Amino acid sequence: MKIGIFGGTFDPIHKGHVAVGLYALKQFRLDRVLFVLSARPPHKQKDKPVASVQHRLAMVRLALRRYTRLKASNLEVNRRGLSFTIDTIKILKKRYPKARFYFILGQDSYEDMKHWREADEIKREVQFLVAGRPGYRIKKQNEPDVSRIRMPLCHAASSMIRKAIAKDSKSVTDLPSCVIRYIKRHGLYRGRA
């Protein structure tokens, strides 16, 4: 079994996130992609997620409900403490001992990995699938554990979407319609970016 792990705060999840999961699924013939919601991201202690973990998880579930092989994971939501990637990988390896794991992330996050807890251990445990990001030059990777996700560059960013909603912009097109409805129904991001 080949399992993709796509972690993030998903505050909110947008069409670009879903596209990355779908392209990785198809290109690398994955059996499933787990969207692992980072409940308490260590790198965002100053800029904590705006929406609660319950709202973010609900939006991820809504955005993925029509895709049978893209799954929302509450693994980090149910775990106490900060959401460290290495801990998540170890838990998933115990749950699926015969699986091969692929860690999906953007070029920006990949370049920041040197700051992650046990980055070298993470590199030994998974194959990286890296998506391009605006403003980041795609570098030729000499590492055998890194593969490029071939897909159009995604310009959507959760931070920009939150700002647009906070300003009451009517033109938030980068969100799945079910997520837009959820945000409106619960009054999320209004006046807060």
C-alpha atoms as a PDB file:
ATOM      1  CA  MET A   1       0.000   0.000   0.000  1.00  0.00           C
ATOM      2  CA  LYS A   2       1.234   3.488  -0.890  1.00  0.00           C
ATOM      3  CA  ILE A   3       0.007   6.262   1.412  1.00  0.00           C
ATOM      4  CA  GLY A   4       0.506   9.986   0.935  1.00  0.00           C
ATOM      5  CA  ILE A   5       0.662  12.215   4.011  1.00  0.00           C
ATOM      6  CA  PHE A   6      -0.318  15.830   3.391  1.00  0.00           C
ATOM      7  CA  GLY A   7      -0.090  17.867   6.576  1.00  0.00           C
ATOM      8  CA  GLY A   8      -1.210  21.417   7.132  1.00  0.00           C
ATOM      9  CA  THR A   9      -3.242  23.838   9.178  1.00  0.00           C
ATOM     10  CA  PHE A  10      -5.777  24.106   6.327  1.00  0.00           C
ATOM     11  CA  ASP A  11      -7.043  27.456   7.645  1.00  0.00           C
ATOM     12  CA  PRO A  12      -9.056  27.164   5.400  1.00  0.00           C
ATOM     13  CA  ILE A  13      -8.502  24.282   3.002  1.00  0.00           C
ATOM     14  CA  HIS A  14      -8.642  25.557  -0.589  1.00  0.00           C
ATOM     15  CA  LYS A  15      -8.798  24.174  -4.127  1.00  0.00           C
ATOM     16  CA  GLY A  16      -5.001  24.239  -4.393  1.00  0.00           C
ATOM     17  CA  HIS A  17      -4.659  21.856  -1.443  1.00  0.00           C
ATOM     18  CA  VAL A  18      -7.135  19.454  -3.026  1.00  0.00           C
ATOM     19  CA  ALA A  19      -5.379  19.714  -6.411  1.00  0.00           C
ATOM     20  CA  VAL A  20      -1.992  18.879  -4.869  1.00  0.00           C
ATOM     21  CA  GLY A  21      -3.502  15.777  -3.271  1.00  0.00           C
ATOM     22  CA  LEU A  22      -5.138  14.683  -6.524  1.00  0.00           C
ATOM     23  CA  TYR A  23      -2.036  15.236  -8.667  1.00  0.00           C
ATOM     24  CA  ALA A  24       0.155  13.344  -6.175  1.00  0.00           C
ATOM     25  CA  LEU A  25      -2.394  10.513  -5.996  1.00  0.00           C
ATOM     26  CA  LYS A  26      -2.435  10.071  -9.766  1.00  0.00           C
ATOM     27  CA  GLN A  27       1.212  10.732 -10.625  1.00  0.00           C
ATOM     28  CA  PHE A  28       2.650   8.444  -7.953  1.00  0.00           C
ATOM     29  CA  ARG A  29      -0.175   5.879  -8.028  1.00  0.00           C
ATOM     30  CA  LEU A  30      -0.932   6.271  -4.347  1.00  0.00           C
ATOM     31  CA  ASP A  31      -3.671   4.203  -2.759  1.00  0.00           C
ATOM     32  CA  ARG A  32      -4.770   7.125  -0.606  1.00  0.00           C
ATOM     33  CA  VAL A  33      -3.740  10.555   0.602  1.00  0.00           C
ATOM     34  CA  LEU A  34      -4.289  11.454   4.244  1.00  0.00           C
ATOM     35  CA  PHE A  35      -4.854  15.165   4.850  1.00  0.00           C
ATOM     36  CA  VAL A  36      -3.451  15.382   8.374  1.00  0.00           C
ATOM     37  CA  LEU A  37      -4.776  18.463  10.104  1.00  0.00           C
ATOM     38  CA  SER A  38      -2.079  20.057  12.243  1.00  0.00           C
ATOM     39  CA  ALA A  39      -3.932  20.868  15.435  1.00  0.00           C
ATOM     40  CA  ARG A  40      -1.092  22.687  17.198  1.00  0.00           C
ATOM     41  CA  PRO A  41       1.617  23.507  14.646  1.00  0.00           C
ATOM     42  CA  PRO A  42       4.935  24.266  16.381  1.00  0.00           C
ATOM     43  CA  HIS A  43       6.008  26.733  13.668  1.00  0.00           C
ATOM     44  CA  LYS A  44       2.863  28.837  14.145  1.00  0.00           C
ATOM     45  CA  GLN A  45       2.901  29.461  17.889  1.00  0.00           C
ATOM     46  CA  LYS A  46       2.901  33.244  17.375  1.00  0.00           C
ATOM     47  CA  ASP A  47       0.427  33.182  14.486  1.00  0.00           C
ATOM     48  CA  LYS A  48      -1.985  30.545  15.698  1.00  0.00           C
ATOM     49  CA  PRO A  49      -4.665  29.300  13.302  1.00  0.00           C
ATOM     50  CA  VAL A  50      -7.646  31.642  13.131  1.00  0.00           C
ATOM     51  CA  ALA A  51     -10.392  29.000  12.934  1.00  0.00           C
ATOM     52  CA  SER A  52     -10.731  26.402  15.679  1.00  0.00           C
ATOM     53  CA  VAL A  53      -9.411  22.915  15.066  1.00  0.00           C
ATOM     54  CA  GLN A  54     -13.011  21.619  14.964  1.00  0.00           C
ATOM     55  CA  HIS A  55     -13.967  24.085  12.208  1.00  0.00           C
ATOM     56  CA  ARG A  56     -10.804  23.366  10.217  1.00  0.00           C
ATOM     57  CA  LEU A  57     -11.379  19.607  10.424  1.00  0.00           C
ATOM     58  CA  ALA A  58     -15.017  20.020   9.363  1.00  0.00           C
ATOM     59  CA  MET A  59     -13.918  22.088   6.325  1.00  0.00           C
ATOM     60  CA  VAL A  60     -11.306  19.484   5.327  1.00  0.00           C
ATOM     61  CA  ARG A  61     -13.919  16.723   5.548  1.00  0.00           C
ATOM     62  CA  LEU A  62     -16.339  18.741   3.430  1.00  0.00           C
ATOM     63  CA  ALA A  63     -13.734  19.574   0.784  1.00  0.00           C
ATOM     64  CA  LEU A  64     -12.693  15.922   0.421  1.00  0.00           C
ATOM     65  CA  ARG A  65     -16.042  14.145   0.715  1.00  0.00           C
ATOM     66  CA  ARG A  66     -16.432  13.531  -3.031  1.00  0.00           C
ATOM     67  CA  TYR A  67     -12.949  11.987  -3.391  1.00  0.00           C
ATOM     68  CA  THR A  68     -12.847   8.395  -2.172  1.00  0.00           C
ATOM     69  CA  ARG A  69      -9.039   8.221  -1.918  1.00  0.00           C
ATOM     70  CA  LEU A  70      -8.465  11.603  -0.248  1.00  0.00           C
ATOM     71  CA  LYS A  71      -9.147  11.297   3.478  1.00  0.00           C
ATOM     72  CA  ALA A  72      -9.262  13.775   6.347  1.00  0.00           C
ATOM     73  CA  SER A  73      -7.183  12.590   9.311  1.00  0.00           C
ATOM     74  CA  ASN A  74      -7.780  13.715  12.888  1.00  0.00           C
ATOM     75  CA  LEU A  75      -4.656  11.927  14.159  1.00  0.00           C
ATOM     76  CA  GLU A  76      -2.967  15.129  15.361  1.00  0.00           C
ATOM     77  CA  VAL A  77      -6.260  16.556  16.631  1.00  0.00           C
ATOM     78  CA  ASN A  78      -6.632  13.645  19.042  1.00  0.00           C
ATOM     79  CA  ARG A  79      -2.996  13.737  20.189  1.00  0.00           C
ATOM     80  CA  ARG A  80      -1.898  16.018  23.020  1.00  0.00           C
ATOM     81  CA  GLY A  81       0.905  18.506  22.644  1.00  0.00           C
ATOM     82  CA  LEU A  82       2.418  20.119  19.584  1.00  0.00           C
ATOM     83  CA  SER A  83       1.931  18.522  16.151  1.00  0.00           C
ATOM     84  CA  PHE A  84       5.384  17.274  15.166  1.00  0.00           C
ATOM     85  CA  THR A  85       5.648  15.526  11.798  1.00  0.00           C
ATOM     86  CA  ILE A  86       8.035  12.850  13.050  1.00  0.00           C
ATOM     87  CA  ASP A  87       5.519  11.752  15.704  1.00  0.00           C
ATOM     88  CA  THR A  88       2.752  11.496  13.103  1.00  0.00           C
ATOM     89  CA  ILE A  89       4.937   9.435  10.781  1.00  0.00           C
ATOM     90  CA  LYS A  90       5.861   7.022  13.586  1.00  0.00           C
ATOM     91  CA  ILE A  91       2.202   6.517  14.529  1.00  0.00           C
ATOM     92  CA  LEU A  92       1.184   5.915  10.913  1.00  0.00           C
ATOM     93  CA  LYS A  93       4.042   3.441  10.408  1.00  0.00           C
ATOM     94  CA  LYS A  94       2.745   1.448  13.389  1.00  0.00           C
ATOM     95  CA  ARG A  95      -0.829   1.534  12.061  1.00  0.00           C
ATOM     96  CA  TYR A  96       0.197   0.528   8.553  1.00  0.00           C
ATOM     97  CA  PRO A  97       3.391  -1.528   8.951  1.00  0.00           C
ATOM     98  CA  LYS A  98       3.401  -2.741   5.339  1.00  0.00           C
ATOM     99  CA  ALA A  99       2.736   0.663   3.774  1.00  0.00           C
ATOM    100  CA  ARG A 100       5.204   2.864   1.953  1.00  0.00           C
ATOM    101  CA  PHE A 101       4.811   6.522   2.919  1.00  0.00           C
ATOM    102  CA  TYR A 102       5.089   9.644   0.778  1.00  0.00           C
ATOM    103  CA  PHE A 103       5.162  13.056   2.431  1.00  0.00           C
ATOM    104  CA  ILE A 104       3.452  15.750   0.339  1.00  0.00           C
ATOM    105  CA  LEU A 105       4.440  19.376   0.809  1.00  0.00           C
ATOM    106  CA  GLY A 106       5.092  22.626  -1.007  1.00  0.00           C
ATOM    107  CA  GLN A 107       8.529  23.865  -2.043  1.00  0.00           C
ATOM    108  CA  ASP A 108       8.348  26.537   0.683  1.00  0.00           C
ATOM    109  CA  SER A 109       7.818  23.941   3.425  1.00  0.00           C
ATOM    110  CA  TYR A 110      10.451  21.634   1.987  1.00  0.00           C
ATOM    111  CA  GLU A 111      13.040  24.406   2.093  1.00  0.00           C
ATOM    112  CA  ASP A 112      12.089  25.124   5.718  1.00  0.00           C
ATOM    113  CA  MET A 113      12.514  21.486   6.784  1.00  0.00           C
ATOM    114  CA  LYS A 114      15.961  22.102   8.257  1.00  0.00           C
ATOM    115  CA  HIS A 115      14.107  23.756  11.168  1.00  0.00           C
ATOM    116  CA  TRP A 116      11.803  20.785  11.787  1.00  0.00           C
ATOM    117  CA  ARG A 117      12.217  18.450  14.725  1.00  0.00           C
ATOM    118  CA  GLU A 118      14.217  15.358  13.694  1.00  0.00           C
ATOM    119  CA  ALA A 119      14.368  16.415  10.029  1.00  0.00           C
ATOM    120  CA  ASP A 120      17.021  13.808   9.208  1.00  0.00           C
ATOM    121  CA  GLU A 121      14.878  11.061  10.701  1.00  0.00           C
ATOM    122  CA  ILE A 122      11.876  12.230   8.666  1.00  0.00           C
ATOM    123  CA  LYS A 123      14.009  12.041   5.514  1.00  0.00           C
ATOM    124  CA  ARG A 124      14.878   8.422   6.303  1.00  0.00           C
ATOM    125  CA  GLU A 125      11.240   7.450   6.865  1.00  0.00           C
ATOM    126  CA  VAL A 126       9.439   8.880   3.823  1.00  0.00           C
ATOM    127  CA  GLN A 127       9.728   9.746   0.160  1.00  0.00           C
ATOM    128  CA  PHE A 128       9.056  13.469  -0.410  1.00  0.00           C
ATOM    129  CA  LEU A 129       6.625  14.671  -3.059  1.00  0.00           C
ATOM    130  CA  VAL A 130       7.170  18.401  -3.536  1.00  0.00           C
ATOM    131  CA  ALA A 131       4.783  20.839  -5.256  1.00  0.00           C
ATOM    132  CA  GLY A 132       6.016  24.153  -6.645  1.00  0.00           C
ATOM    133  CA  ARG A 133       4.983  27.379  -4.904  1.00  0.00           C
ATOM    134  CA  PRO A 134       4.858  30.958  -6.210  1.00  0.00           C
ATOM    135  CA  GLY A 135       8.016  32.867  -5.345  1.00  0.00           C
ATOM    136  CA  TYR A 136      10.108  29.722  -4.889  1.00  0.00           C
ATOM    137  CA  ARG A 137      12.469  28.572  -7.578  1.00  0.00           C
ATOM    138  CA  ILE A 138      12.174  24.900  -8.252  1.00  0.00           C
ATOM    139  CA  LYS A 139      15.617  23.549  -7.698  1.00  0.00           C
ATOM    140  CA  LYS A 140      16.970  20.383  -9.210  1.00  0.00           C
ATOM    141  CA  GLN A 141      16.926  17.982  -6.292  1.00  0.00           C
ATOM    142  CA  ASN A 142      19.948  15.727  -6.014  1.00  0.00           C
ATOM    143  CA  GLU A 143      18.371  13.768  -3.223  1.00  0.00           C
ATOM    144  CA  PRO A 144      16.931  10.368  -4.144  1.00  0.00           C
ATOM    145  CA  ASP A 145      14.090  10.776  -1.618  1.00  0.00           C
ATOM    146  CA  VAL A 146      12.582  13.833  -3.384  1.00  0.00           C
ATOM    147  CA  SER A 147      10.211  13.789  -6.366  1.00  0.00           C
ATOM    148  CA  ARG A 148       8.518  16.758  -8.004  1.00  0.00           C
ATOM    149  CA  ILE A 149       4.718  16.803  -8.310  1.00  0.00           C
ATOM    150  CA  ARG A 150       4.024  17.786 -11.923  1.00  0.00           C
ATOM    151  CA  MET A 151       1.121  20.204 -11.820  1.00  0.00           C
ATOM    152  CA  PRO A 152       0.251  23.823 -12.637  1.00  0.00           C
ATOM    153  CA  LEU A 153       1.569  26.315 -10.113  1.00  0.00           C
ATOM    154  CA  CYS A 154      -1.079  27.078  -7.498  1.00  0.00           C
ATOM    155  CA  HIS A 155      -1.397  30.720  -6.464  1.00  0.00           C
ATOM    156  CA  ALA A 156      -4.049  30.163  -3.786  1.00  0.00           C
ATOM    157  CA  ALA A 157      -2.946  30.861  -0.221  1.00  0.00           C
ATOM    158  CA  SER A 158      -5.015  30.449   2.930  1.00  0.00           C
ATOM    159  CA  SER A 159      -3.656  33.704   4.366  1.00  0.00           C
ATOM    160  CA  MET A 160      -4.849  35.680   1.308  1.00  0.00           C
ATOM    161  CA  ILE A 161      -8.231  33.945   1.394  1.00  0.00           C
ATOM    162  CA  ARG A 162      -8.678  34.870   5.074  1.00  0.00           C
ATOM    163  CA  LYS A 163      -7.823  38.498   4.276  1.00  0.00           C
ATOM    164  CA  ALA A 164     -10.349  38.565   1.445  1.00  0.00           C
ATOM    165  CA  ILE A 165     -13.085  37.140   3.682  1.00  0.00           C
ATOM    166  CA  ALA A 166     -12.171  39.553   6.494  1.00  0.00           C
ATOM    167  CA  LYS A 167     -12.624  42.457   4.047  1.00  0.00           C
ATOM    168  CA  ASP A 168     -15.976  40.963   2.988  1.00  0.00           C
ATOM    169  CA  SER A 169     -14.765  40.284  -0.530  1.00  0.00           C
ATOM    170  CA  LYS A 170     -17.347  38.512  -2.658  1.00  0.00           C
ATOM    171  CA  SER A 171     -14.723  37.096  -5.016  1.00  0.00           C
ATOM    172  CA  VAL A 172     -13.224  34.202  -3.057  1.00  0.00           C
ATOM    173  CA  THR A 173     -12.952  31.731  -5.916  1.00  0.00           C
ATOM    174  CA  ASP A 174     -10.165  29.534  -4.552  1.00  0.00           C
ATOM    175  CA  LEU A 175     -12.425  27.701  -2.103  1.00  0.00           C
ATOM    176  CA  PRO A 176     -14.679  24.717  -2.777  1.00  0.00           C
ATOM    177  CA  SER A 177     -18.308  25.904  -2.690  1.00  0.00           C
ATOM    178  CA  CYS A 178     -19.088  23.629   0.283  1.00  0.00           C
ATOM    179  CA  VAL A 179     -16.289  25.330   2.261  1.00  0.00           C
ATOM    180  CA  ILE A 180     -17.585  28.808   1.311  1.00  0.00           C
ATOM    181  CA  ARG A 181     -21.029  27.836   2.596  1.00  0.00           C
ATOM    182  CA  TYR A 182     -19.542  26.470   5.829  1.00  0.00           C
ATOM    183  CA  ILE A 183     -17.512  29.643   6.412  1.00  0.00           C
ATOM    184  CA  LYS A 184     -20.587  31.837   5.840  1.00  0.00           C
ATOM    185  CA  ARG A 185     -22.817  29.690   8.034  1.00  0.00           C
ATOM    186  CA  HIS A 186     -20.359  29.852  10.945  1.00  0.00           C
ATOM    187  CA  GLY A 187     -19.189  33.433  10.376  1.00  0.00           C
ATOM    188  CA  LEU A 188     -15.520  32.403  10.156  1.00  0.00           C
ATOM    189  CA  TYR A 189     -12.708  34.865   9.379  1.00  0.00           C
ATOM    190  CA  ARG A 190     -14.981  37.931   9.484  1.00  0.00           C
ATOM    191  CA  GLY A 191     -12.859  40.872  10.568  1.00  0.00           C
ATOM    192  CA  ARG A 192      -9.914  38.537  11.336  1.00  0.00           C
ATOM    193  CA  ALA A 193      -7.194  37.509   8.923  1.00  0.00           C
END
